[in-house]
Amino acid sequence: TMVAFILALLIVVGLIVNPRVQIGSR
């Protein structure tokens, strides 16, 4: 439950921020 909560929180924050960082060429 602890892991699921942390993962869900990170996913929600990630969707809001929507990071796009280029790593490598492809």
PDB file of all heavy atoms in Angstrom:
ATOM      1  N   THR A   1       0.832  -1.206   0.000  1.00  0.00           N
ATOM      2  CA  THR A   1       0.000   0.000   0.000  1.00  0.00           C
ATOM      3  C   THR A   1       0.864   1.253   0.000  1.00  0.00           C
ATOM      4  O   THR A   1       0.580   2.227  -0.704  1.00  0.00           O
ATOM      5  CB  THR A   1      -0.925   0.008   1.231  1.00  0.00           C
ATOM      6  OG1 THR A   1      -1.727  -1.169   1.222  1.00  0.00           O
ATOM      7  CG2 THR A   1      -1.819   1.233   1.226  1.00  0.00           C
ATOM      8  N   MET A   2       1.952   1.224   0.770  1.00  0.00           N
ATOM      9  CA  MET A   2       2.863   2.354   0.833  1.00  0.00           C
ATOM     10  C   MET A   2       3.485   2.622  -0.537  1.00  0.00           C
ATOM     11  O   MET A   2       3.520   3.767  -1.012  1.00  0.00           O
ATOM     12  CB  MET A   2       3.949   2.082   1.862  1.00  0.00           C
ATOM     13  CG  MET A   2       5.064   3.109   1.912  1.00  0.00           C
ATOM     14  SD  MET A   2       6.363   2.561   3.042  1.00  0.00           S
ATOM     15  CE  MET A   2       6.890   1.024   2.255  1.00  0.00           C
ATOM     16  N   VAL A   3       3.956   1.571  -1.200  1.00  0.00           N
ATOM     17  CA  VAL A   3       4.579   1.735  -2.507  1.00  0.00           C
ATOM     18  C   VAL A   3       3.557   2.236  -3.524  1.00  0.00           C
ATOM     19  O   VAL A   3       3.845   3.119  -4.338  1.00  0.00           O
ATOM     20  CB  VAL A   3       5.199   0.405  -2.973  1.00  0.00           C
ATOM     21  CG1 VAL A   3       5.782   0.564  -4.375  1.00  0.00           C
ATOM     22  CG2 VAL A   3       6.274  -0.055  -2.011  1.00  0.00           C
ATOM     23  N   ALA A   4       2.351   1.667  -3.492  1.00  0.00           N
ATOM     24  CA  ALA A   4       1.312   2.082  -4.431  1.00  0.00           C
ATOM     25  C   ALA A   4       0.949   3.554  -4.244  1.00  0.00           C
ATOM     26  O   ALA A   4       0.727   4.282  -5.214  1.00  0.00           O
ATOM     27  CB  ALA A   4       0.078   1.203  -4.252  1.00  0.00           C
ATOM     28  N   PHE A   5       0.896   3.993  -2.979  1.00  0.00           N
ATOM     29  CA  PHE A   5       0.561   5.393  -2.710  1.00  0.00           C
ATOM     30  C   PHE A   5       1.640   6.321  -3.273  1.00  0.00           C
ATOM     31  O   PHE A   5       1.342   7.336  -3.928  1.00  0.00           O
ATOM     32  CB  PHE A   5       0.407   5.610  -1.210  1.00  0.00           C
ATOM     33  CG  PHE A   5       0.242   7.053  -0.818  1.00  0.00           C
ATOM     34  CD1 PHE A   5      -0.972   7.704  -1.007  1.00  0.00           C
ATOM     35  CD2 PHE A   5       1.314   7.760  -0.276  1.00  0.00           C
ATOM     36  CE1 PHE A   5      -1.109   9.042  -0.656  1.00  0.00           C
ATOM     37  CE2 PHE A   5       1.179   9.097   0.074  1.00  0.00           C
ATOM     38  CZ  PHE A   5      -0.043   9.732  -0.120  1.00  0.00           C
ATOM     39  N   ILE A   6       2.914   5.989  -3.025  1.00  0.00           N
ATOM     40  CA  ILE A   6       4.006   6.828  -3.525  1.00  0.00           C
ATOM     41  C   ILE A   6       4.004   6.849  -5.050  1.00  0.00           C
ATOM     42  O   ILE A   6       4.174   7.896  -5.689  1.00  0.00           O
ATOM     43  CB  ILE A   6       5.354   6.319  -2.987  1.00  0.00           C
ATOM     44  CG1 ILE A   6       5.409   6.464  -1.463  1.00  0.00           C
ATOM     45  CG2 ILE A   6       6.517   7.071  -3.625  1.00  0.00           C
ATOM     46  CD1 ILE A   6       6.647   5.860  -0.834  1.00  0.00           C
ATOM     47  N   LEU A   7       3.787   5.688  -5.668  1.00  0.00           N
ATOM     48  CA  LEU A   7       3.770   5.609  -7.123  1.00  0.00           C
ATOM     49  C   LEU A   7       2.621   6.429  -7.699  1.00  0.00           C
ATOM     50  O   LEU A   7       2.802   7.179  -8.676  1.00  0.00           O
ATOM     51  CB  LEU A   7       3.649   4.145  -7.566  1.00  0.00           C
ATOM     52  CG  LEU A   7       3.576   3.898  -9.076  1.00  0.00           C
ATOM     53  CD1 LEU A   7       4.826   4.438  -9.763  1.00  0.00           C
ATOM     54  CD2 LEU A   7       3.412   2.412  -9.361  1.00  0.00           C
ATOM     55  N   ALA A   8       1.430   6.305  -7.107  1.00  0.00           N
ATOM     56  CA  ALA A   8       0.277   7.070  -7.592  1.00  0.00           C
ATOM     57  C   ALA A   8       0.520   8.567  -7.462  1.00  0.00           C
ATOM     58  O   ALA A   8       0.184   9.351  -8.363  1.00  0.00           O
ATOM     59  CB  ALA A   8      -0.974   6.658  -6.819  1.00  0.00           C
ATOM     60  N   LEU A   9       1.117   8.970  -6.349  1.00  0.00           N
ATOM     61  CA  LEU A   9       1.408  10.388  -6.141  1.00  0.00           C
ATOM     62  C   LEU A   9       2.376  10.906  -7.192  1.00  0.00           C
ATOM     63  O   LEU A   9       2.178  11.992  -7.773  1.00  0.00           O
ATOM     64  CB  LEU A   9       1.983  10.592  -4.736  1.00  0.00           C
ATOM     65  CG  LEU A   9       2.353  12.039  -4.358  1.00  0.00           C
ATOM     66  CD1 LEU A   9       1.112  12.917  -4.365  1.00  0.00           C
ATOM     67  CD2 LEU A   9       3.024  12.064  -2.987  1.00  0.00           C
ATOM     68  N   LEU A  10       3.424  10.136  -7.498  1.00  0.00           N
ATOM     69  CA  LEU A  10       4.396  10.556  -8.496  1.00  0.00           C
ATOM     70  C   LEU A  10       3.780  10.621  -9.891  1.00  0.00           C
ATOM     71  O   LEU A  10       4.104  11.506 -10.693  1.00  0.00           O
ATOM     72  CB  LEU A  10       5.598   9.609  -8.487  1.00  0.00           C
ATOM     73  CG  LEU A  10       6.489   9.661  -7.245  1.00  0.00           C
ATOM     74  CD1 LEU A  10       7.602   8.628  -7.359  1.00  0.00           C
ATOM     75  CD2 LEU A  10       7.100  11.045  -7.078  1.00  0.00           C
ATOM     76  N   ILE A  11       2.893   9.680 -10.193  1.00  0.00           N
ATOM     77  CA  ILE A  11       2.243   9.686 -11.501  1.00  0.00           C
ATOM     78  C   ILE A  11       1.364  10.924 -11.665  1.00  0.00           C
ATOM     79  O   ILE A  11       1.378  11.595 -12.704  1.00  0.00           O
ATOM     80  CB  ILE A  11       1.416   8.402 -11.698  1.00  0.00           C
ATOM     81  CG1 ILE A  11       2.348   7.200 -11.855  1.00  0.00           C
ATOM     82  CG2 ILE A  11       0.504   8.528 -12.926  1.00  0.00           C
ATOM     83  CD1 ILE A  11       1.630   5.879 -11.939  1.00  0.00           C
ATOM     84  N   VAL A  12       0.593  11.251 -10.625  1.00  0.00           N
ATOM     85  CA  VAL A  12      -0.265  12.434 -10.686  1.00  0.00           C
ATOM     86  C   VAL A  12       0.562  13.697 -10.865  1.00  0.00           C
ATOM     87  O   VAL A  12       0.280  14.543 -11.725  1.00  0.00           O
ATOM     88  CB  VAL A  12      -1.146  12.525  -9.413  1.00  0.00           C
ATOM     89  CG1 VAL A  12      -1.866  13.873  -9.365  1.00  0.00           C
ATOM     90  CG2 VAL A  12      -2.139  11.382  -9.381  1.00  0.00           C
ATOM     91  N   VAL A  13       1.618  13.826 -10.070  1.00  0.00           N
ATOM     92  CA  VAL A  13       2.483  15.005 -10.194  1.00  0.00           C
ATOM     93  C   VAL A  13       3.137  15.044 -11.572  1.00  0.00           C
ATOM     94  O   VAL A  13       3.232  16.103 -12.210  1.00  0.00           O
ATOM     95  CB  VAL A  13       3.543  15.009  -9.079  1.00  0.00           C
ATOM     96  CG1 VAL A  13       4.555  16.135  -9.297  1.00  0.00           C
ATOM     97  CG2 VAL A  13       2.882  15.138  -7.717  1.00  0.00           C
ATOM     98  N   GLY A  14       3.581  13.874 -12.046  1.00  0.00           N
ATOM     99  CA  GLY A  14       4.216  13.818 -13.358  1.00  0.00           C
ATOM    100  C   GLY A  14       3.280  14.212 -14.477  1.00  0.00           C
ATOM    101  O   GLY A  14       3.674  14.921 -15.413  1.00  0.00           O
ATOM    102  N   LEU A  15       2.034  13.779 -14.413  1.00  0.00           N
ATOM    103  CA  LEU A  15       1.066  14.138 -15.445  1.00  0.00           C
ATOM    104  C   LEU A  15       0.783  15.635 -15.434  1.00  0.00           C
ATOM    105  O   LEU A  15       0.547  16.244 -16.491  1.00  0.00           O
ATOM    106  CB  LEU A  15      -0.231  13.347 -15.243  1.00  0.00           C
ATOM    107  CG  LEU A  15      -0.149  11.847 -15.558  1.00  0.00           C
ATOM    108  CD1 LEU A  15      -1.423  11.143 -15.155  1.00  0.00           C
ATOM    109  CD2 LEU A  15       0.133  11.634 -17.052  1.00  0.00           C
ATOM    110  N   ILE A  16       0.782  16.223 -14.254  1.00  0.00           N
ATOM    111  CA  ILE A  16       0.532  17.670 -14.162  1.00  0.00           C
ATOM    112  C   ILE A  16       1.715  18.457 -14.717  1.00  0.00           C
ATOM    113  O   ILE A  16       1.571  19.375 -15.524  1.00  0.00           O
ATOM    114  CB  ILE A  16       0.251  18.071 -12.701  1.00  0.00           C
ATOM    115  CG1 ILE A  16      -1.070  17.421 -12.229  1.00  0.00           C
ATOM    116  CG2 ILE A  16       0.167  19.586 -12.572  1.00  0.00           C
ATOM    117  CD1 ILE A  16      -1.348  17.641 -10.766  1.00  0.00           C
ATOM    118  N   VAL A  17       2.926  18.066 -14.297  1.00  0.00           N
ATOM    119  CA  VAL A  17       4.120  18.779 -14.744  1.00  0.00           C
ATOM    120  C   VAL A  17       4.477  18.420 -16.192  1.00  0.00           C
ATOM    121  O   VAL A  17       4.966  19.250 -16.956  1.00  0.00           O
ATOM    122  CB  VAL A  17       5.299  18.468 -13.800  1.00  0.00           C
ATOM    123  CG1 VAL A  17       6.576  19.148 -14.274  1.00  0.00           C
ATOM    124  CG2 VAL A  17       4.952  18.890 -12.377  1.00  0.00           C
ATOM    125  N   ASN A  18       4.229  17.142 -16.548  1.00  0.00           N
ATOM    126  CA  ASN A  18       4.514  16.617 -17.894  1.00  0.00           C
ATOM    127  C   ASN A  18       5.951  16.898 -18.326  1.00  0.00           C
ATOM    128  O   ASN A  18       6.216  17.623 -19.284  1.00  0.00           O
ATOM    129  CB  ASN A  18       3.553  17.212 -18.924  1.00  0.00           C
ATOM    130  CG  ASN A  18       3.634  16.462 -20.253  1.00  0.00           C
ATOM    131  OD1 ASN A  18       4.038  15.302 -20.304  1.00  0.00           O
ATOM    132  ND2 ASN A  18       3.253  17.128 -21.330  1.00  0.00           N
ATOM    133  N   PRO A  19       6.933  16.312 -17.631  1.00  0.00           N
ATOM    134  CA  PRO A  19       8.333  16.583 -17.972  1.00  0.00           C
ATOM    135  C   PRO A  19       8.717  15.948 -19.305  1.00  0.00           C
ATOM    136  O   PRO A  19       8.285  14.845 -19.638  1.00  0.00           O
ATOM    137  CB  PRO A  19       9.098  15.934 -16.810  1.00  0.00           C
ATOM    138  CG  PRO A  19       8.204  14.828 -16.362  1.00  0.00           C
ATOM    139  CD  PRO A  19       6.801  15.334 -16.550  1.00  0.00           C
ATOM    140  N   ARG A  20       9.548  16.644 -20.069  1.00  0.00           N
ATOM    141  CA  ARG A  20      10.065  16.110 -21.329  1.00  0.00           C
ATOM    142  C   ARG A  20      11.545  16.514 -21.412  1.00  0.00           C
ATOM    143  O   ARG A  20      11.861  17.666 -21.712  1.00  0.00           O
ATOM    144  CB  ARG A  20       9.299  16.659 -22.531  1.00  0.00           C
ATOM    145  CG  ARG A  20       7.813  16.336 -22.507  1.00  0.00           C
ATOM    146  CD  ARG A  20       7.116  16.937 -23.714  1.00  0.00           C
ATOM    147  NE  ARG A  20       7.480  16.236 -24.927  1.00  0.00           N
ATOM    148  CZ  ARG A  20       6.811  15.179 -25.399  1.00  0.00           C
ATOM    149  NH1 ARG A  20       5.754  14.708 -24.749  1.00  0.00           N
ATOM    150  NH2 ARG A  20       7.191  14.593 -26.519  1.00  0.00           N
ATOM    151  N   VAL A  21      12.392  15.561 -21.106  1.00  0.00           N
ATOM    152  CA  VAL A  21      13.835  15.825 -21.099  1.00  0.00           C
ATOM    153  C   VAL A  21      14.485  14.925 -22.137  1.00  0.00           C
ATOM    154  O   VAL A  21      14.355  13.698 -22.072  1.00  0.00           O
ATOM    155  CB  VAL A  21      14.455  15.562 -19.703  1.00  0.00           C
ATOM    156  CG1 VAL A  21      15.948  15.837 -19.725  1.00  0.00           C
ATOM    157  CG2 VAL A  21      13.754  16.401 -18.654  1.00  0.00           C
ATOM    158  N   GLN A  22      15.185  15.515 -23.103  1.00  0.00           N
ATOM    159  CA  GLN A  22      15.842  14.737 -24.143  1.00  0.00           C
ATOM    160  C   GLN A  22      17.070  14.038 -23.568  1.00  0.00           C
ATOM    161  O   GLN A  22      17.937  14.671 -22.963  1.00  0.00           O
ATOM    162  CB  GLN A  22      16.268  15.646 -25.295  1.00  0.00           C
ATOM    163  CG  GLN A  22      16.674  14.882 -26.555  1.00  0.00           C
ATOM    164  CD  GLN A  22      15.483  14.234 -27.243  1.00  0.00           C
ATOM    165  OE1 GLN A  22      14.361  14.737 -27.142  1.00  0.00           O
ATOM    166  NE2 GLN A  22      15.717  13.127 -27.921  1.00  0.00           N
ATOM    167  N   ILE A  23      17.134  12.716 -23.750  1.00  0.00           N
ATOM    168  CA  ILE A  23      18.297  11.945 -23.314  1.00  0.00           C
ATOM    169  C   ILE A  23      18.786  11.134 -24.505  1.00  0.00           C
ATOM    170  O   ILE A  23      18.116  10.233 -24.970  1.00  0.00           O
ATOM    171  CB  ILE A  23      17.973  11.034 -22.116  1.00  0.00           C
ATOM    172  CG1 ILE A  23      16.742  10.164 -22.379  1.00  0.00           C
ATOM    173  CG2 ILE A  23      17.753  11.846 -20.869  1.00  0.00           C
ATOM    174  CD1 ILE A  23      16.494   9.140 -21.311  1.00  0.00           C
ATOM    175  N   GLY A  24      19.921  11.474 -25.000  1.00  0.00           N
ATOM    176  CA  GLY A  24      20.403  10.779 -26.179  1.00  0.00           C
ATOM    177  C   GLY A  24      19.752  11.324 -27.440  1.00  0.00           C
ATOM    178  O   GLY A  24      19.031  12.316 -27.427  1.00  0.00           O
ATOM    179  N   SER A  25      19.985  10.636 -28.532  1.00  0.00           N
ATOM    180  CA  SER A  25      19.517  11.130 -29.830  1.00  0.00           C
ATOM    181  C   SER A  25      18.127  10.656 -30.195  1.00  0.00           C
ATOM    182  O   SER A  25      17.454  11.278 -31.015  1.00  0.00           O
ATOM    183  CB  SER A  25      20.500  10.694 -30.924  1.00  0.00           C
ATOM    184  OG  SER A  25      20.599   9.269 -30.948  1.00  0.00           O
ATOM    185  N   ARG A  26      17.667   9.544 -29.601  1.00  0.00           N
ATOM    186  CA  ARG A  26      16.401   8.983 -30.056  1.00  0.00           C
ATOM    187  C   ARG A  26      15.329   8.898 -28.979  1.00  0.00           C
ATOM    188  O   ARG A  26      14.173   8.638 -29.285  1.00  0.00           O
ATOM    189  CB  ARG A  26      16.629   7.563 -30.619  1.00  0.00           C
ATOM    190  CG  ARG A  26      17.457   7.533 -31.885  1.00  0.00           C
ATOM    191  CD  ARG A  26      17.418   6.160 -32.515  1.00  0.00           C
ATOM    192  NE  ARG A  26      17.916   5.140 -31.600  1.00  0.00           N
ATOM    193  CZ  ARG A  26      17.791   3.830 -31.815  1.00  0.00           C
ATOM    194  NH1 ARG A  26      17.172   3.388 -32.882  1.00  0.00           N
ATOM    195  NH2 ARG A  26      18.286   2.963 -30.945  1.00  0.00           N
TER     196      ARG A  26
END
